[in-house]
C-alpha atoms as a PDB file:
ATOM      1  CA  MET A   1      -6.218  18.075   6.647  1.00  0.00           C
ATOM      2  CA  ALA A   2      -9.264  16.278   5.292  1.00  0.00           C
ATOM      3  CA  ILE A   3      -9.663  12.529   5.508  1.00  0.00           C
ATOM      4  CA  ILE A   4      -9.967  11.090   2.000  1.00  0.00           C
ATOM      5  CA  ASP A   5     -12.078   7.921   2.636  1.00  0.00           C
ATOM      6  CA  LYS A   6     -13.150   7.025   6.175  1.00  0.00           C
ATOM      7  CA  ASP A   7     -13.976   3.368   5.409  1.00  0.00           C
ATOM      8  CA  LEU A   8     -10.701   2.756   3.598  1.00  0.00           C
ATOM      9  CA  LEU A   9      -8.799   4.517   6.377  1.00  0.00           C
ATOM     10  CA  ALA A  10     -10.410   2.291   9.006  1.00  0.00           C
ATOM     11  CA  SER A  11      -9.597  -0.795   6.940  1.00  0.00           C
ATOM     12  CA  ALA A  12      -5.989   0.312   6.463  1.00  0.00           C
ATOM     13  CA  LYS A  13      -5.529   0.912  10.178  1.00  0.00           C
ATOM     14  CA  LEU A  14      -6.792  -2.624  10.894  1.00  0.00           C
ATOM     15  CA  GLY A  15      -4.505  -4.138   8.230  1.00  0.00           C
ATOM     16  CA  LEU A  16      -1.432  -6.177   9.030  1.00  0.00           C
ATOM     17  CA  ALA A  17       1.795  -4.390   9.895  1.00  0.00           C
ATOM     18  CA  ARG A  18       3.544  -4.551   6.522  1.00  0.00           C
ATOM     19  CA  ARG A  19       5.355  -2.172   4.210  1.00  0.00           C
ATOM     20  CA  GLY A  20       3.055   0.499   2.883  1.00  0.00           C
ATOM     21  CA  LYS A  21       0.590   0.574   5.769  1.00  0.00           C
ATOM     22  CA  ARG A  22       2.011   3.717   7.324  1.00  0.00           C
ATOM     23  CA  GLU A  23       2.144   5.429   3.938  1.00  0.00           C
ATOM     24  CA  LEU A  24      -1.452   4.534   3.050  1.00  0.00           C
ATOM     25  CA  VAL A  25      -2.745   5.771   6.403  1.00  0.00           C
ATOM     26  CA  LYS A  26      -0.762   8.970   6.022  1.00  0.00           C
ATOM     27  CA  TYR A  27      -2.181   9.542   2.524  1.00  0.00           C
ATOM     28  CA  LEU A  28      -5.756   8.774   3.575  1.00  0.00           C
ATOM     29  CA  GLU A  29      -5.446  11.248   6.430  1.00  0.00           C
ATOM     30  CA  GLY A  30      -4.740  13.924   3.820  1.00  0.00           C
ATOM     31  CA  GLU A  31      -0.976  14.224   4.194  1.00  0.00           C
ATOM     32  CA  LYS A  32       1.405  14.421   1.270  1.00  0.00           C
ATOM     33  CA  ILE A  33       3.520  11.394   0.447  1.00  0.00           C
ATOM     34  CA  THR A  34       6.390  10.838  -1.984  1.00  0.00           C
ATOM     35  CA  ARG A  35       6.173   8.825  -5.178  1.00  0.00           C
ATOM     36  CA  ALA A  36       7.954   5.855  -3.568  1.00  0.00           C
ATOM     37  CA  GLN A  37       5.605   6.031  -0.590  1.00  0.00           C
ATOM     38  CA  GLY A  38       2.682   6.082  -3.030  1.00  0.00           C
ATOM     39  CA  VAL A  39       3.882   2.866  -4.653  1.00  0.00           C
ATOM     40  CA  ARG A  40       4.219   1.157  -1.272  1.00  0.00           C
ATOM     41  CA  ALA A  41       0.779   2.426  -0.222  1.00  0.00           C
ATOM     42  CA  LYS A  42      -0.890   1.168  -3.403  1.00  0.00           C
ATOM     43  CA  CYS A  43       0.799  -2.234  -3.128  1.00  0.00           C
ATOM     44  CA  PHE A  44      -0.342  -2.511   0.502  1.00  0.00           C
ATOM     45  CA  ASP A  45      -3.903  -1.696  -0.591  1.00  0.00           C
ATOM     46  CA  CYS A  46      -3.777  -4.111  -3.545  1.00  0.00           C
ATOM     47  CA  SER A  47      -2.426  -6.931  -1.362  1.00  0.00           C
ATOM     48  CA  GLY A  48      -5.580  -6.836   0.749  1.00  0.00           C
ATOM     49  CA  MET A  49      -4.170  -4.483   3.370  1.00  0.00           C
ATOM     50  CA  GLY A  50      -1.100  -6.654   3.742  1.00  0.00           C
ATOM     51  CA  GLU A  51      -2.908 -10.018   3.719  1.00  0.00           C
ATOM     52  CA  GLN A  52      -0.929 -11.439   0.793  1.00  0.00           C
ATOM     53  CA  LYS A  53       2.723 -12.069   1.429  1.00  0.00           C
ATOM     54  CA  TYR A  54       3.860 -11.918  -2.204  1.00  0.00           C
ATOM     55  CA  CYS A  55       2.613 -10.183  -5.336  1.00  0.00           C
ATOM     56  CA  ASP A  56       2.173 -12.263  -8.474  1.00  0.00           C
ATOM     57  CA  MET A  57       0.658  -9.488 -10.602  1.00  0.00           C
ATOM     58  CA  GLU A  58       3.597  -9.291 -13.015  1.00  0.00           C
ATOM     59  CA  HIS A  59       1.504  -7.333 -15.552  1.00  0.00           C
ATOM     60  CA  CYS A  60       1.025  -4.471 -13.059  1.00  0.00           C
ATOM     61  CA  SER A  61       3.002  -1.364 -13.968  1.00  0.00           C
ATOM     62  CA  LEU A  62       4.075  -1.027 -10.304  1.00  0.00           C
ATOM     63  CA  TYR A  63       5.326  -4.632 -10.041  1.00  0.00           C
ATOM     64  CA  PRO A  64       9.009  -3.770 -10.594  1.00  0.00           C
ATOM     65  CA  PHE A  65       8.824  -1.386  -7.612  1.00  0.00           C
ATOM     66  CA  SER A  66       6.564  -3.458  -5.350  1.00  0.00           C
ATOM     67  CA  PRO A  67       7.834  -4.379  -1.879  1.00  0.00           C
ATOM     68  CA  TYR A  68       5.712  -7.550  -2.209  1.00  0.00           C
ATOM     69  CA  ARG A  69       7.244  -8.995  -5.377  1.00  0.00           C
ATOM     70  CA  LYS A  70       9.406 -12.070  -5.126  1.00  0.00           C
ATOM     71  CA  ARG A  71      13.058 -11.105  -5.486  1.00  0.00           C
ATOM     72  CA  GLY A  72      15.370 -12.864  -7.913  1.00  0.00           C
ATOM     73  CA  ILE A  73      12.675 -13.968 -10.337  1.00  0.00           C
END
């Protein structure tokens, strides 16, 4: 399986241990992931490789599914 982006893969592997990290690494290594795993991977990437604790991008189309959104708002 081909690696998609070596720099992004290295950055993802160095990212904090949060939801979506495993999925992003798996995807960047060329493996198939599910739609839900894709959402978690994208949110991990968007949050600065897990740097941000919560997502405040309410206009994002993935926000309702994000593991980083604040619950109960």
